Amino acid sequence: MKKLVQLSIIFIILIAGCTQQPTGKFLTNQTLEPECIPDWNCTFWSECIRTGANTGIQNRTCIDNNNCNVTADKPQESRACGLPRIALKEPSEMALQISDLPNDKNWTIIEKNLRSREEVSQIERELGFKKGYYVHYFSQYKKNNNINFIHVYHFVSVYPLVNSAINMTYSFETAKENYKIGSFYENTNKKILSVSELSNPFIGDSSIAYNITVTDFTGFEENIYTICFTKWDVAEVITIEGNDIDYEFLKNLAEKAEERIS
């Protein structure tokens, strides 16, 4: 019985020891590191660096002022960005080809040439003319016992994006003024009878069209249709002359020329 009492006392002491609250003496010698919270400082985003025809990438640098040596919550240091599209083709590739012309007529290339900065006007150079191309097609054929002819002139010019629209506006106004005062044909036997603006063909980013009627010393009247348009950094002028042409024929050519840019 005495042994049983002693065991009970020991068991109670053990239980009491296990349930005793911590004294805190064990923690007094333990050092806890304060949590490091990053303080990110980022530079401004760089300009959009082109990586494709209409895409680019921007970069920046982010530094942690607290040097926490963590990257889990580091701000993004690069991102995709959009840019106005630029033509990746050469001007000669964007010019109309014989395959773009009506196949029921016999087409001949009269002239085709690259256009360099040295060959263009001073105003074109001031606007940042980069490169260009010119092609002249001609067709002569018999229709209803009459001899018909068509000239197709196509100018392709590449400018800095900021100036392509400016150049187009200048070209329109200058061309129309030249037609009105007759300087366009000052060294020929042709005389301008009228100049009229046509309905907007809505080609490319912006466009304009006009019709010029001219006559020669025999009294023969001839219609000239012109469409000027810009798309991205490309400015184009397409002109047709002849006695078997109309505005729809020109618009069809201009639409094909626009498709060649992309």
C-alpha atoms as a PDB file:
ATOM      1  CA  MET A   1       0.000   0.000   0.000  1.00  0.00           C
ATOM      2  CA  LYS A   2       2.857   2.288   0.840  1.00  0.00           C
ATOM      3  CA  LYS A   3       4.390   1.629  -2.574  1.00  0.00           C
ATOM      4  CA  LEU A   4       1.159   2.394  -4.300  1.00  0.00           C
ATOM      5  CA  VAL A   5       0.935   5.751  -2.511  1.00  0.00           C
ATOM      6  CA  GLN A   6       4.521   6.613  -3.508  1.00  0.00           C
ATOM      7  CA  LEU A   7       3.863   5.768  -7.186  1.00  0.00           C
ATOM      8  CA  SER A   8       0.762   7.932  -7.160  1.00  0.00           C
ATOM      9  CA  ILE A   9       2.723  10.866  -5.786  1.00  0.00           C
ATOM     10  CA  ILE A  10       5.425  10.438  -8.455  1.00  0.00           C
ATOM     11  CA  PHE A  11       2.769  10.254 -11.210  1.00  0.00           C
ATOM     12  CA  ILE A  12       1.131  13.478  -9.925  1.00  0.00           C
ATOM     13  CA  ILE A  13       4.528  15.236  -9.860  1.00  0.00           C
ATOM     14  CA  LEU A  14       5.200  14.167 -13.469  1.00  0.00           C
ATOM     15  CA  ILE A  15       1.805  15.377 -14.589  1.00  0.00           C
ATOM     16  CA  ALA A  16       2.335  18.675 -12.843  1.00  0.00           C
ATOM     17  CA  GLY A  17       5.706  19.066 -14.498  1.00  0.00           C
ATOM     18  CA  CYS A  18       4.303  18.471 -17.943  1.00  0.00           C
ATOM     19  CA  THR A  19       1.544  21.041 -17.504  1.00  0.00           C
ATOM     20  CA  GLN A  20       3.773  23.703 -15.961  1.00  0.00           C
ATOM     21  CA  GLN A  21       3.746  26.984 -17.931  1.00  0.00           C
ATOM     22  CA  PRO A  22       7.040  28.011 -19.621  1.00  0.00           C
ATOM     23  CA  THR A  23       9.109  30.368 -17.544  1.00  0.00           C
ATOM     24  CA  GLY A  24      10.480  32.223 -20.545  1.00  0.00           C
ATOM     25  CA  LYS A  25      14.056  31.678 -19.454  1.00  0.00           C
ATOM     26  CA  PHE A  26      14.687  29.510 -22.560  1.00  0.00           C
ATOM     27  CA  LEU A  27      13.710  32.358 -24.915  1.00  0.00           C
ATOM     28  CA  THR A  28      15.778  35.052 -23.291  1.00  0.00           C
ATOM     29  CA  ASN A  29      18.943  33.896 -25.067  1.00  0.00           C
ATOM     30  CA  GLN A  30      17.278  33.397 -28.569  1.00  0.00           C
ATOM     31  CA  THR A  31      17.792  36.158 -31.270  1.00  0.00           C
ATOM     32  CA  LEU A  32      15.059  36.568 -33.985  1.00  0.00           C
ATOM     33  CA  GLU A  33      16.051  38.149 -37.370  1.00  0.00           C
ATOM     34  CA  PRO A  34      13.688  41.033 -38.398  1.00  0.00           C
ATOM     35  CA  GLU A  35      11.761  40.379 -41.656  1.00  0.00           C
ATOM     36  CA  CYS A  36      13.405  42.002 -44.744  1.00  0.00           C
ATOM     37  CA  ILE A  37      10.879  43.847 -46.858  1.00  0.00           C
ATOM     38  CA  PRO A  38      12.147  44.807 -50.362  1.00  0.00           C
ATOM     39  CA  ASP A  39      11.945  48.437 -51.389  1.00  0.00           C
ATOM     40  CA  TRP A  40      11.951  48.310 -55.209  1.00  0.00           C
ATOM     41  CA  ASN A  41      13.048  51.332 -57.188  1.00  0.00           C
ATOM     42  CA  CYS A  42      12.546  51.065 -60.970  1.00  0.00           C
ATOM     43  CA  THR A  43      13.760  53.277 -63.819  1.00  0.00           C
ATOM     44  CA  PHE A  44      11.368  54.594 -66.466  1.00  0.00           C
ATOM     45  CA  TRP A  45      10.471  52.262 -69.324  1.00  0.00           C
ATOM     46  CA  SER A  46      12.759  52.573 -72.325  1.00  0.00           C
ATOM     47  CA  GLU A  47      11.521  53.485 -75.779  1.00  0.00           C
ATOM     48  CA  CYS A  48       9.783  50.712 -77.674  1.00  0.00           C
ATOM     49  CA  ILE A  49      12.557  48.808 -79.438  1.00  0.00           C
ATOM     50  CA  ARG A  50      11.186  47.283 -82.620  1.00  0.00           C
ATOM     51  CA  THR A  51      11.329  43.497 -82.901  1.00  0.00           C
ATOM     52  CA  GLY A  52       8.931  43.072 -85.826  1.00  0.00           C
ATOM     53  CA  ALA A  53       6.744  44.959 -88.281  1.00  0.00           C
ATOM     54  CA  ASN A  54       4.405  46.195 -85.543  1.00  0.00           C
ATOM     55  CA  THR A  55       5.792  44.835 -82.263  1.00  0.00           C
ATOM     56  CA  GLY A  56       8.567  45.810 -79.927  1.00  0.00           C
ATOM     57  CA  ILE A  57       9.916  45.468 -76.393  1.00  0.00           C
ATOM     58  CA  GLN A  58      10.492  47.934 -73.567  1.00  0.00           C
ATOM     59  CA  ASN A  59      13.021  47.453 -70.771  1.00  0.00           C
ATOM     60  CA  ARG A  60      13.717  48.948 -67.347  1.00  0.00           C
ATOM     61  CA  THR A  61      15.913  48.165 -64.349  1.00  0.00           C
ATOM     62  CA  CYS A  62      14.555  47.554 -60.833  1.00  0.00           C
ATOM     63  CA  ILE A  63      16.835  47.683 -57.745  1.00  0.00           C
ATOM     64  CA  ASP A  64      15.961  46.719 -54.160  1.00  0.00           C
ATOM     65  CA  ASN A  65      17.080  49.573 -51.900  1.00  0.00           C
ATOM     66  CA  ASN A  66      16.975  47.212 -48.892  1.00  0.00           C
ATOM     67  CA  ASN A  67      19.130  44.523 -50.547  1.00  0.00           C
ATOM     68  CA  CYS A  68      16.849  41.748 -49.344  1.00  0.00           C
ATOM     69  CA  ASN A  69      18.260  39.410 -51.963  1.00  0.00           C
ATOM     70  CA  VAL A  70      14.804  38.180 -52.980  1.00  0.00           C
ATOM     71  CA  THR A  71      13.313  38.076 -56.459  1.00  0.00           C
ATOM     72  CA  ALA A  72       9.883  36.555 -55.838  1.00  0.00           C
ATOM     73  CA  ASP A  73       8.078  39.903 -55.897  1.00  0.00           C
ATOM     74  CA  LYS A  74      10.463  41.753 -58.208  1.00  0.00           C
ATOM     75  CA  PRO A  75       8.610  44.077 -60.618  1.00  0.00           C
ATOM     76  CA  GLN A  76       8.555  43.232 -64.325  1.00  0.00           C
ATOM     77  CA  GLU A  77      11.643  44.537 -66.142  1.00  0.00           C
ATOM     78  CA  SER A  78      10.548  43.939 -69.757  1.00  0.00           C
ATOM     79  CA  ARG A  79       7.241  44.076 -71.579  1.00  0.00           C
ATOM     80  CA  ALA A  80       5.882  43.872 -75.108  1.00  0.00           C
ATOM     81  CA  CYS A  81       4.791  47.091 -76.773  1.00  0.00           C
ATOM     82  CA  GLY A  82       3.038  47.983 -79.988  1.00  0.00           C
ATOM     83  CA  LEU A  83       4.408  50.208 -82.733  1.00  0.00           C
ATOM     84  CA  PRO A  84       2.974  51.645 -85.939  1.00  0.00           C
ATOM     85  CA  ARG A  85       3.578  49.140 -88.673  1.00  0.00           C
ATOM     86  CA  ILE A  86       6.421  49.569 -91.116  1.00  0.00           C
ATOM     87  CA  ALA A  87       6.834  47.900 -94.494  1.00  0.00           C
ATOM     88  CA  LEU A  88       9.456  45.174 -94.454  1.00  0.00           C
ATOM     89  CA  LYS A  89       9.482  44.775 -98.234  1.00  0.00           C
ATOM     90  CA  GLU A  90      11.626  46.661-100.709  1.00  0.00           C
ATOM     91  CA  PRO A  91       9.798  49.282-102.844  1.00  0.00           C
ATOM     92  CA  SER A  92      10.247  47.134-105.978  1.00  0.00           C
ATOM     93  CA  GLU A  93       8.379  44.292-104.232  1.00  0.00           C
ATOM     94  CA  MET A  94       5.491  46.608-103.378  1.00  0.00           C
ATOM     95  CA  ALA A  95       5.149  47.957-106.920  1.00  0.00           C
ATOM     96  CA  LEU A  96       2.441  46.650-109.228  1.00  0.00           C
ATOM     97  CA  GLN A  97       3.460  43.659-111.314  1.00  0.00           C
ATOM     98  CA  ILE A  98       2.194  42.684-114.755  1.00  0.00           C
ATOM     99  CA  SER A  99       0.233  39.900-113.050  1.00  0.00           C
ATOM    100  CA  ASP A 100      -1.756  42.615-111.228  1.00  0.00           C
ATOM    101  CA  LEU A 101      -2.902  44.173-114.501  1.00  0.00           C
ATOM    102  CA  PRO A 102      -5.868  42.956-116.581  1.00  0.00           C
ATOM    103  CA  ASN A 103      -4.737  39.863-118.450  1.00  0.00           C
ATOM    104  CA  ASP A 104      -6.869  40.607-121.509  1.00  0.00           C
ATOM    105  CA  LYS A 105      -4.458  43.340-122.610  1.00  0.00           C
ATOM    106  CA  ASN A 106      -0.921  43.119-123.890  1.00  0.00           C
ATOM    107  CA  TRP A 107       1.205  44.955-121.306  1.00  0.00           C
ATOM    108  CA  THR A 108       4.734  46.221-121.847  1.00  0.00           C
ATOM    109  CA  ILE A 109       7.131  47.694-119.311  1.00  0.00           C
ATOM    110  CA  ILE A 110       8.211  51.079-120.648  1.00  0.00           C
ATOM    111  CA  GLU A 111      10.443  51.971-117.716  1.00  0.00           C
ATOM    112  CA  LYS A 112      11.253  50.801-114.202  1.00  0.00           C
ATOM    113  CA  ASN A 113      13.818  52.267-111.849  1.00  0.00           C
ATOM    114  CA  LEU A 114      14.817  52.584-108.238  1.00  0.00           C
ATOM    115  CA  ARG A 115      14.371  56.095-106.884  1.00  0.00           C
ATOM    116  CA  SER A 116      17.247  57.391-104.786  1.00  0.00           C
ATOM    117  CA  ARG A 117      17.475  60.468-102.565  1.00  0.00           C
ATOM    118  CA  GLU A 118      19.640  62.163-105.178  1.00  0.00           C
ATOM    119  CA  GLU A 119      16.880  61.846-107.799  1.00  0.00           C
ATOM    120  CA  VAL A 120      13.873  63.082-105.824  1.00  0.00           C
ATOM    121  CA  SER A 121      12.847  66.664-105.184  1.00  0.00           C
ATOM    122  CA  GLN A 122      14.259  68.813-102.415  1.00  0.00           C
ATOM    123  CA  ILE A 123      10.989  68.750-100.470  1.00  0.00           C
ATOM    124  CA  GLU A 124      10.965  64.939-100.590  1.00  0.00           C
ATOM    125  CA  ARG A 125      14.476  64.849 -99.190  1.00  0.00           C
ATOM    126  CA  GLU A 126      13.518  67.294 -96.456  1.00  0.00           C
ATOM    127  CA  LEU A 127      10.633  65.011 -95.505  1.00  0.00           C
ATOM    128  CA  GLY A 128      13.094  62.168 -95.043  1.00  0.00           C
ATOM    129  CA  PHE A 129      12.660  60.206 -98.280  1.00  0.00           C
ATOM    130  CA  LYS A 130      14.417  56.875 -97.714  1.00  0.00           C
ATOM    131  CA  LYS A 131      13.951  54.862-100.873  1.00  0.00           C
ATOM    132  CA  GLY A 132      11.519  54.351-103.703  1.00  0.00           C
ATOM    133  CA  TYR A 133      10.632  52.729-106.994  1.00  0.00           C
ATOM    134  CA  TYR A 134       8.945  53.749-110.227  1.00  0.00           C
ATOM    135  CA  VAL A 135       7.378  51.613-112.953  1.00  0.00           C
ATOM    136  CA  HIS A 136       5.540  52.570-116.169  1.00  0.00           C
ATOM    137  CA  TYR A 137       3.350  50.037-117.978  1.00  0.00           C
ATOM    138  CA  PHE A 138       1.780  50.505-121.408  1.00  0.00           C
ATOM    139  CA  SER A 139      -0.893  48.614-123.324  1.00  0.00           C
ATOM    140  CA  GLN A 140      -2.150  49.134-126.873  1.00  0.00           C
ATOM    141  CA  TYR A 141      -4.906  46.985-128.286  1.00  0.00           C
ATOM    142  CA  LYS A 142      -7.750  46.970-130.754  1.00  0.00           C
ATOM    143  CA  LYS A 143     -11.334  47.192-129.534  1.00  0.00           C
ATOM    144  CA  ASN A 144     -14.439  47.767-131.648  1.00  0.00           C
ATOM    145  CA  ASN A 145     -12.237  48.624-134.624  1.00  0.00           C
ATOM    146  CA  ASN A 146     -10.531  51.306-132.556  1.00  0.00           C
ATOM    147  CA  ILE A 147      -6.951  51.412-131.299  1.00  0.00           C
ATOM    148  CA  ASN A 148      -7.011  51.885-127.538  1.00  0.00           C
ATOM    149  CA  PHE A 149      -4.113  52.574-125.208  1.00  0.00           C
ATOM    150  CA  ILE A 150      -3.502  52.713-121.456  1.00  0.00           C
ATOM    151  CA  HIS A 151      -0.549  54.043-119.483  1.00  0.00           C
ATOM    152  CA  VAL A 152      -0.081  52.999-115.838  1.00  0.00           C
ATOM    153  CA  TYR A 153       2.425  54.956-113.721  1.00  0.00           C
ATOM    154  CA  HIS A 154       3.232  53.754-110.224  1.00  0.00           C
ATOM    155  CA  PHE A 155       5.449  55.557-107.689  1.00  0.00           C
ATOM    156  CA  VAL A 156       6.328  53.868-104.380  1.00  0.00           C
ATOM    157  CA  SER A 157       8.120  55.927-101.714  1.00  0.00           C
ATOM    158  CA  VAL A 158       9.182  55.084 -98.159  1.00  0.00           C
ATOM    159  CA  TYR A 159       9.364  57.856 -95.559  1.00  0.00           C
ATOM    160  CA  PRO A 160       9.787  58.048 -91.800  1.00  0.00           C
ATOM    161  CA  LEU A 161       6.442  57.230 -90.233  1.00  0.00           C
ATOM    162  CA  VAL A 162       6.000  60.751 -88.917  1.00  0.00           C
ATOM    163  CA  ASN A 163       6.383  62.267 -92.387  1.00  0.00           C
ATOM    164  CA  SER A 164       4.617  59.872 -94.756  1.00  0.00           C
ATOM    165  CA  ALA A 165       1.227  61.530 -94.273  1.00  0.00           C
ATOM    166  CA  ILE A 166       2.796  64.987 -94.507  1.00  0.00           C
ATOM    167  CA  ASN A 167       4.390  64.036 -97.807  1.00  0.00           C
ATOM    168  CA  MET A 168       1.103  62.740 -99.160  1.00  0.00           C
ATOM    169  CA  THR A 169      -0.671  65.995 -98.310  1.00  0.00           C
ATOM    170  CA  TYR A 170       2.082  67.973 -99.952  1.00  0.00           C
ATOM    171  CA  SER A 171       1.962  65.760-103.041  1.00  0.00           C
ATOM    172  CA  PHE A 172      -1.795  66.187-103.392  1.00  0.00           C
ATOM    173  CA  GLU A 173      -1.770  69.943-103.074  1.00  0.00           C
ATOM    174  CA  THR A 174       1.281  70.396-105.284  1.00  0.00           C
ATOM    175  CA  ALA A 175      -0.048  68.065-107.959  1.00  0.00           C
ATOM    176  CA  LYS A 176      -3.425  69.748-108.050  1.00  0.00           C
ATOM    177  CA  GLU A 177      -1.863  73.196-108.247  1.00  0.00           C
ATOM    178  CA  ASN A 178       0.467  72.038-111.010  1.00  0.00           C
ATOM    179  CA  TYR A 179      -2.451  70.625-112.946  1.00  0.00           C
ATOM    180  CA  LYS A 180      -4.459  73.802-112.506  1.00  0.00           C
ATOM    181  CA  ILE A 181      -1.743  76.112-113.782  1.00  0.00           C
ATOM    182  CA  GLY A 182      -0.704  73.746-116.513  1.00  0.00           C
ATOM    183  CA  SER A 183       2.925  73.316-115.484  1.00  0.00           C
ATOM    184  CA  PHE A 184       2.490  69.545-115.488  1.00  0.00           C
ATOM    185  CA  TYR A 185       2.352  69.680-119.303  1.00  0.00           C
ATOM    186  CA  GLU A 186       4.357  72.830-119.939  1.00  0.00           C
ATOM    187  CA  ASN A 187       6.839  70.988-122.171  1.00  0.00           C
ATOM    188  CA  THR A 188       4.214  69.044-124.108  1.00  0.00           C
ATOM    189  CA  ASN A 189       1.518  69.820-126.639  1.00  0.00           C
ATOM    190  CA  LYS A 190      -1.221  69.015-124.123  1.00  0.00           C
ATOM    191  CA  LYS A 191      -3.497  71.472-122.395  1.00  0.00           C
ATOM    192  CA  ILE A 192      -5.429  70.911-119.166  1.00  0.00           C
ATOM    193  CA  LEU A 193      -9.168  71.418-119.470  1.00  0.00           C
ATOM    194  CA  SER A 194     -10.288  70.529-115.937  1.00  0.00           C
ATOM    195  CA  VAL A 195      -9.181  69.150-112.573  1.00  0.00           C
ATOM    196  CA  SER A 196     -11.713  67.595-110.210  1.00  0.00           C
ATOM    197  CA  GLU A 197     -11.432  65.688-106.945  1.00  0.00           C
ATOM    198  CA  LEU A 198     -13.081  62.274-106.933  1.00  0.00           C
ATOM    199  CA  SER A 199     -14.766  60.376-104.121  1.00  0.00           C
ATOM    200  CA  ASN A 200     -12.371  59.089-101.489  1.00  0.00           C
ATOM    201  CA  PRO A 201     -11.245  55.555-102.457  1.00  0.00           C
ATOM    202  CA  PHE A 202     -10.586  54.721 -98.761  1.00  0.00           C
ATOM    203  CA  ILE A 203      -7.377  52.877 -99.500  1.00  0.00           C
ATOM    204  CA  GLY A 204      -4.611  52.510 -96.927  1.00  0.00           C
ATOM    205  CA  ASP A 205      -4.470  54.806 -93.895  1.00  0.00           C
ATOM    206  CA  SER A 206      -5.470  57.889 -95.909  1.00  0.00           C
ATOM    207  CA  SER A 207      -6.117  58.521 -99.576  1.00  0.00           C
ATOM    208  CA  ILE A 208      -7.315  60.988-102.170  1.00  0.00           C
ATOM    209  CA  ALA A 209      -8.190  60.781-105.861  1.00  0.00           C
ATOM    210  CA  TYR A 210      -8.693  63.226-108.692  1.00  0.00           C
ATOM    211  CA  ASN A 211      -9.413  63.342-112.409  1.00  0.00           C
ATOM    212  CA  ILE A 212      -7.720  65.563-114.981  1.00  0.00           C
ATOM    213  CA  THR A 213      -9.023  66.072-118.483  1.00  0.00           C
ATOM    214  CA  VAL A 214      -6.469  67.186-121.079  1.00  0.00           C
ATOM    215  CA  THR A 215      -6.506  67.864-124.801  1.00  0.00           C
ATOM    216  CA  ASP A 216      -3.790  67.971-127.442  1.00  0.00           C
ATOM    217  CA  PHE A 217      -3.366  70.225-130.494  1.00  0.00           C
ATOM    218  CA  THR A 218      -5.725  68.010-132.510  1.00  0.00           C
ATOM    219  CA  GLY A 219      -8.523  68.472-130.002  1.00  0.00           C
ATOM    220  CA  PHE A 220      -8.317  64.875-128.788  1.00  0.00           C
ATOM    221  CA  GLU A 221      -9.434  64.683-125.165  1.00  0.00           C
ATOM    222  CA  GLU A 222      -7.853  62.324-122.680  1.00  0.00           C
ATOM    223  CA  ASN A 223      -8.760  61.449-119.101  1.00  0.00           C
ATOM    224  CA  ILE A 224      -6.160  60.994-116.378  1.00  0.00           C
ATOM    225  CA  TYR A 225      -7.058  59.391-113.053  1.00  0.00           C
ATOM    226  CA  THR A 226      -4.776  59.520-110.020  1.00  0.00           C
ATOM    227  CA  ILE A 227      -4.958  57.944-106.571  1.00  0.00           C
ATOM    228  CA  CYS A 228      -2.504  58.849-103.829  1.00  0.00           C
ATOM    229  CA  PHE A 229      -2.490  56.933-100.553  1.00  0.00           C
ATOM    230  CA  THR A 230      -0.323  56.136 -97.567  1.00  0.00           C
ATOM    231  CA  LYS A 231      -0.127  52.958 -95.562  1.00  0.00           C
ATOM    232  CA  TRP A 232       2.256  52.730 -92.603  1.00  0.00           C
ATOM    233  CA  ASP A 233       5.479  54.392 -93.792  1.00  0.00           C
ATOM    234  CA  VAL A 234       4.743  54.018 -97.510  1.00  0.00           C
ATOM    235  CA  ALA A 235       3.350  56.731 -99.792  1.00  0.00           C
ATOM    236  CA  GLU A 236       2.151  55.719-103.258  1.00  0.00           C
ATOM    237  CA  VAL A 237       0.873  57.495-106.350  1.00  0.00           C
ATOM    238  CA  ILE A 238      -0.834  55.550-109.138  1.00  0.00           C
ATOM    239  CA  THR A 239      -1.862  57.324-112.332  1.00  0.00           C
ATOM    240  CA  ILE A 240      -3.586  55.941-115.411  1.00  0.00           C
ATOM    241  CA  GLU A 241      -3.984  57.645-118.790  1.00  0.00           C
ATOM    242  CA  GLY A 242      -5.739  56.455-121.922  1.00  0.00           C
ATOM    243  CA  ASN A 243      -8.924  56.319-123.939  1.00  0.00           C
ATOM    244  CA  ASP A 244     -10.313  53.145-122.371  1.00  0.00           C
ATOM    245  CA  ILE A 245     -10.044  53.768-118.626  1.00  0.00           C
ATOM    246  CA  ASP A 246     -12.282  54.699-115.706  1.00  0.00           C
ATOM    247  CA  TYR A 247     -12.051  55.356-111.994  1.00  0.00           C
ATOM    248  CA  GLU A 248     -13.071  51.812-111.016  1.00  0.00           C
ATOM    249  CA  PHE A 249     -10.177  50.426-113.048  1.00  0.00           C
ATOM    250  CA  LEU A 250      -7.768  52.654-111.093  1.00  0.00           C
ATOM    251  CA  LYS A 251      -9.283  51.775-107.701  1.00  0.00           C
ATOM    252  CA  ASN A 252      -8.833  48.097-108.487  1.00  0.00           C
ATOM    253  CA  LEU A 253      -5.134  48.678-109.189  1.00  0.00           C
ATOM    254  CA  ALA A 254      -4.717  50.747-106.005  1.00  0.00           C
ATOM    255  CA  GLU A 255      -6.291  48.020-103.883  1.00  0.00           C
ATOM    256  CA  LYS A 256      -3.859  45.487-105.313  1.00  0.00           C
ATOM    257  CA  ALA A 257      -0.971  47.875-104.629  1.00  0.00           C
ATOM    258  CA  GLU A 258      -2.107  48.232-101.002  1.00  0.00           C
ATOM    259  CA  GLU A 259      -2.182  44.443-100.601  1.00  0.00           C
ATOM    260  CA  ARG A 260       1.429  44.267-101.774  1.00  0.00           C
ATOM    261  CA  ILE A 261       2.623  46.376 -98.849  1.00  0.00           C
ATOM    262  CA  SER A 262       1.731  43.822 -96.163  1.00  0.00           C
END
